[in-house]
Each structure stands twice: as C-alpha cells, then as structure tokens.
N, C-alpha and C. Protein backbone atom coordinates (compact mmCIF):
# COMPACT_ATOMS: atom_id res chain seq x y z
N MET A 1 -18.25 19.70 5.86
CA MET A 1 -17.99 20.00 7.24
C MET A 1 -17.35 18.82 7.96
N VAL A 2 -17.80 17.62 7.66
CA VAL A 2 -17.24 16.43 8.29
C VAL A 2 -15.78 16.28 7.91
N MET A 3 -15.50 16.49 6.64
CA MET A 3 -14.12 16.35 6.19
C MET A 3 -13.22 17.39 6.86
N MET A 4 -13.74 18.60 7.06
CA MET A 4 -12.95 19.64 7.72
C MET A 4 -12.60 19.22 9.15
N ARG A 5 -13.56 18.67 9.86
CA ARG A 5 -13.30 18.23 11.23
C ARG A 5 -12.31 17.07 11.24
N PHE A 6 -12.44 16.18 10.28
CA PHE A 6 -11.53 15.04 10.15
C PHE A 6 -10.10 15.53 9.95
N ILE A 7 -9.92 16.49 9.05
CA ILE A 7 -8.60 17.07 8.77
C ILE A 7 -8.06 17.77 10.02
N MET A 8 -8.94 18.46 10.73
CA MET A 8 -8.51 19.16 11.96
C MET A 8 -8.02 18.17 13.01
N MET A 9 -8.71 17.05 13.17
CA MET A 9 -8.29 16.05 14.15
C MET A 9 -6.93 15.45 13.79
N LEU A 10 -6.73 15.16 12.53
CA LEU A 10 -5.43 14.64 12.09
C LEU A 10 -4.33 15.66 12.31
N THR A 11 -4.60 16.91 11.98
CA THR A 11 -3.62 17.98 12.15
C THR A 11 -3.28 18.16 13.62
N GLU A 12 -4.29 18.16 14.48
CA GLU A 12 -4.05 18.30 15.91
C GLU A 12 -3.18 17.16 16.43
N HIS A 13 -3.42 15.97 15.97
CA HIS A 13 -2.61 14.82 16.37
C HIS A 13 -1.15 15.03 15.97
N LEU A 14 -0.93 15.45 14.73
CA LEU A 14 0.43 15.66 14.24
C LEU A 14 1.15 16.75 15.03
N VAL A 15 0.44 17.82 15.34
CA VAL A 15 1.03 18.93 16.11
C VAL A 15 1.37 18.47 17.53
N ARG A 16 0.45 17.75 18.17
CA ARG A 16 0.71 17.24 19.53
C ARG A 16 1.93 16.32 19.54
N CYS A 17 2.03 15.45 18.57
CA CYS A 17 3.16 14.52 18.51
C CYS A 17 4.47 15.26 18.27
N GLU A 18 4.43 16.24 17.37
CA GLU A 18 5.64 17.01 17.09
C GLU A 18 6.06 17.81 18.32
N THR A 19 5.10 18.42 18.97
CA THR A 19 5.39 19.21 20.17
C THR A 19 5.94 18.35 21.29
N GLY A 20 5.40 17.15 21.44
CA GLY A 20 5.84 16.26 22.50
C GLY A 20 6.97 15.34 22.11
N SER A 21 7.51 15.53 20.90
CA SER A 21 8.58 14.67 20.39
C SER A 21 8.21 13.19 20.46
N VAL A 22 6.98 12.92 20.03
CA VAL A 22 6.45 11.55 20.03
C VAL A 22 6.20 11.14 18.57
N ASP A 23 6.38 9.86 18.29
CA ASP A 23 6.12 9.36 16.94
C ASP A 23 4.64 9.52 16.60
N PHE A 24 4.35 10.16 15.50
CA PHE A 24 2.97 10.40 15.09
C PHE A 24 2.33 9.18 14.46
N ASN A 25 3.13 8.25 13.98
CA ASN A 25 2.65 7.14 13.17
C ASN A 25 2.09 6.01 14.05
N THR A 26 1.05 6.35 14.81
CA THR A 26 0.41 5.39 15.71
C THR A 26 -0.65 4.59 14.95
N CYS A 27 -1.18 3.57 15.60
CA CYS A 27 -2.27 2.79 15.00
C CYS A 27 -3.48 3.68 14.71
N TRP A 28 -3.78 4.59 15.63
CA TRP A 28 -4.90 5.51 15.44
C TRP A 28 -4.69 6.36 14.19
N TYR A 29 -3.48 6.90 14.04
CA TYR A 29 -3.17 7.75 12.90
C TYR A 29 -3.28 6.95 11.59
N LYS A 30 -2.71 5.76 11.58
CA LYS A 30 -2.76 4.93 10.37
C LYS A 30 -4.20 4.61 9.98
N ASN A 31 -5.01 4.28 10.98
CA ASN A 31 -6.42 4.00 10.69
C ASN A 31 -7.14 5.22 10.14
N CYS A 32 -6.85 6.37 10.70
CA CYS A 32 -7.50 7.60 10.24
C CYS A 32 -7.08 7.95 8.81
N ILE A 33 -5.81 7.83 8.51
CA ILE A 33 -5.32 8.12 7.16
C ILE A 33 -5.94 7.15 6.16
N GLU A 34 -6.01 5.87 6.53
CA GLU A 34 -6.62 4.89 5.65
C GLU A 34 -8.11 5.16 5.46
N ARG A 35 -8.77 5.63 6.50
CA ARG A 35 -10.18 5.98 6.39
C ARG A 35 -10.36 7.19 5.47
N LEU A 36 -9.47 8.15 5.55
CA LEU A 36 -9.51 9.30 4.65
C LEU A 36 -9.36 8.84 3.20
N GLN A 37 -8.43 7.94 2.96
CA GLN A 37 -8.26 7.39 1.62
C GLN A 37 -9.53 6.69 1.16
N GLN A 38 -10.14 5.92 2.06
CA GLN A 38 -11.37 5.22 1.73
C GLN A 38 -12.50 6.19 1.38
N ILE A 39 -12.61 7.26 2.14
CA ILE A 39 -13.64 8.27 1.87
C ILE A 39 -13.46 8.85 0.48
N PHE A 40 -12.22 9.18 0.13
CA PHE A 40 -11.96 9.71 -1.21
C PHE A 40 -12.39 8.73 -2.29
N LEU A 41 -12.05 7.48 -2.10
CA LEU A 41 -12.37 6.48 -3.12
C LEU A 41 -13.86 6.17 -3.19
N MET A 42 -14.51 6.09 -2.04
CA MET A 42 -15.94 5.77 -2.01
C MET A 42 -16.80 6.91 -2.56
N HIS A 43 -16.37 8.13 -2.35
CA HIS A 43 -17.19 9.29 -2.72
C HIS A 43 -16.53 10.12 -3.82
N HIS A 44 -15.75 9.47 -4.66
CA HIS A 44 -14.97 10.19 -5.67
C HIS A 44 -15.83 11.03 -6.61
N VAL A 45 -17.02 10.57 -6.95
CA VAL A 45 -17.87 11.34 -7.87
C VAL A 45 -18.25 12.68 -7.25
N THR A 46 -18.67 12.65 -6.00
CA THR A 46 -19.05 13.88 -5.32
C THR A 46 -17.84 14.77 -5.06
N ILE A 47 -16.76 14.16 -4.62
CA ILE A 47 -15.55 14.93 -4.31
C ILE A 47 -14.99 15.61 -5.55
N GLN A 48 -15.08 14.96 -6.68
CA GLN A 48 -14.59 15.56 -7.93
C GLN A 48 -15.31 16.86 -8.24
N GLN A 49 -16.57 16.93 -7.91
CA GLN A 49 -17.36 18.14 -8.17
C GLN A 49 -16.88 19.32 -7.34
N TYR A 50 -16.27 19.05 -6.21
CA TYR A 50 -15.89 20.10 -5.27
C TYR A 50 -14.38 20.21 -5.07
N MET A 51 -13.61 19.67 -5.98
CA MET A 51 -12.16 19.67 -5.81
C MET A 51 -11.59 21.08 -5.70
N GLY A 52 -12.08 22.00 -6.48
CA GLY A 52 -11.61 23.38 -6.41
C GLY A 52 -11.87 23.99 -5.04
N THR A 53 -13.05 23.78 -4.53
CA THR A 53 -13.40 24.29 -3.20
C THR A 53 -12.55 23.63 -2.13
N LEU A 54 -12.37 22.32 -2.24
CA LEU A 54 -11.55 21.61 -1.25
C LEU A 54 -10.12 22.12 -1.26
N GLU A 55 -9.59 22.38 -2.43
CA GLU A 55 -8.22 22.90 -2.54
C GLU A 55 -8.10 24.29 -1.94
N ASN A 56 -9.13 25.09 -2.09
CA ASN A 56 -9.10 26.46 -1.55
C ASN A 56 -9.29 26.50 -0.04
N LEU A 57 -10.09 25.58 0.50
CA LEU A 57 -10.43 25.63 1.92
C LEU A 57 -9.63 24.67 2.79
N LEU A 58 -9.40 23.45 2.32
CA LEU A 58 -8.79 22.43 3.17
C LEU A 58 -7.39 22.02 2.76
N PHE A 59 -7.24 21.69 1.52
CA PHE A 59 -5.99 21.08 1.06
C PHE A 59 -5.07 22.15 0.46
N THR A 60 -4.66 23.05 1.33
CA THR A 60 -3.77 24.14 0.93
C THR A 60 -2.32 23.76 1.23
N ALA A 61 -1.41 24.58 0.79
CA ALA A 61 0.01 24.33 1.01
C ALA A 61 0.37 24.36 2.49
N GLU A 62 -0.44 25.01 3.31
CA GLU A 62 -0.17 25.10 4.74
C GLU A 62 -0.50 23.81 5.49
N LEU A 63 -1.29 22.95 4.87
CA LEU A 63 -1.68 21.70 5.51
C LEU A 63 -0.47 20.78 5.63
N ASP A 64 -0.41 20.02 6.70
CA ASP A 64 0.70 19.09 6.91
C ASP A 64 0.85 18.17 5.70
N HIS A 65 2.08 17.95 5.29
CA HIS A 65 2.32 17.20 4.07
C HIS A 65 1.86 15.74 4.14
N HIS A 66 1.75 15.17 5.33
CA HIS A 66 1.27 13.81 5.47
C HIS A 66 -0.20 13.71 5.04
N ILE A 67 -0.98 14.69 5.42
CA ILE A 67 -2.40 14.72 5.07
C ILE A 67 -2.58 15.15 3.62
N LEU A 68 -1.84 16.17 3.24
CA LEU A 68 -1.93 16.68 1.87
C LEU A 68 -1.57 15.60 0.85
N ALA A 69 -0.66 14.71 1.20
CA ALA A 69 -0.25 13.64 0.30
C ALA A 69 -1.42 12.72 -0.06
N VAL A 70 -2.33 12.50 0.89
CA VAL A 70 -3.50 11.66 0.62
C VAL A 70 -4.37 12.31 -0.46
N TYR A 71 -4.57 13.60 -0.33
CA TYR A 71 -5.37 14.33 -1.33
C TYR A 71 -4.66 14.34 -2.69
N GLN A 72 -3.37 14.55 -2.68
CA GLN A 72 -2.62 14.58 -3.92
C GLN A 72 -2.63 13.22 -4.62
N GLN A 73 -2.59 12.15 -3.85
CA GLN A 73 -2.70 10.81 -4.43
C GLN A 73 -4.06 10.62 -5.08
N PHE A 74 -5.10 11.11 -4.40
CA PHE A 74 -6.45 11.03 -4.97
C PHE A 74 -6.52 11.82 -6.28
N CYS A 75 -5.96 13.02 -6.28
CA CYS A 75 -5.96 13.85 -7.49
C CYS A 75 -5.23 13.16 -8.63
N ALA A 76 -4.14 12.48 -8.32
CA ALA A 76 -3.36 11.79 -9.35
C ALA A 76 -4.18 10.67 -9.99
N LEU A 77 -5.09 10.08 -9.26
CA LEU A 77 -5.95 9.03 -9.81
C LEU A 77 -6.97 9.58 -10.79
N GLN A 78 -7.27 10.86 -10.67
CA GLN A 78 -8.31 11.47 -11.49
C GLN A 78 -7.83 11.81 -12.90
N LEU A 79 -6.55 11.79 -13.15
CA LEU A 79 -6.02 12.17 -14.47
C LEU A 79 -6.29 11.15 -15.52
C-alpha cells in the first residue's frame, strides 16, 4: 500500500508538470526517484516475492516511463 501511494505521488507530480509545461526534474522528484531505488535495493528479498503482483497492479505499461524505468532497472539486477 505504501508503494502504491508513493507511485501515485510521483505520477501526480509528472502529470502536474506536464499539464503546466513545467520541468518535472525538480530536486523533490530526484529525491523521490532515488528513494524508490533505495527501497527496491533495501527490500529486494521481499519485493522479489511479489514481483508478479507488483507488475499486475503497479508497474504496468500505462505507468509513466520515468517511474517504470526504476522498476525495470531493479528487475534487470535480478537476472
């Protein structure tokens, strides 16, 4: 649930920036993306158990590619 809210906040930021023609790559955004990467790395054992569920619920093709790229990078580390 926490990860879902985290993804929603990032998505809302990206939509607001796109709508307002503002650069999305703010300090806040960079910190959030780095925190998401950290969460994946710190909790990789647990996240690996639920990767299928995460892909079905959160990390779908409809998700903004900036956020999806973080998940895809994590998946690439698992191979």
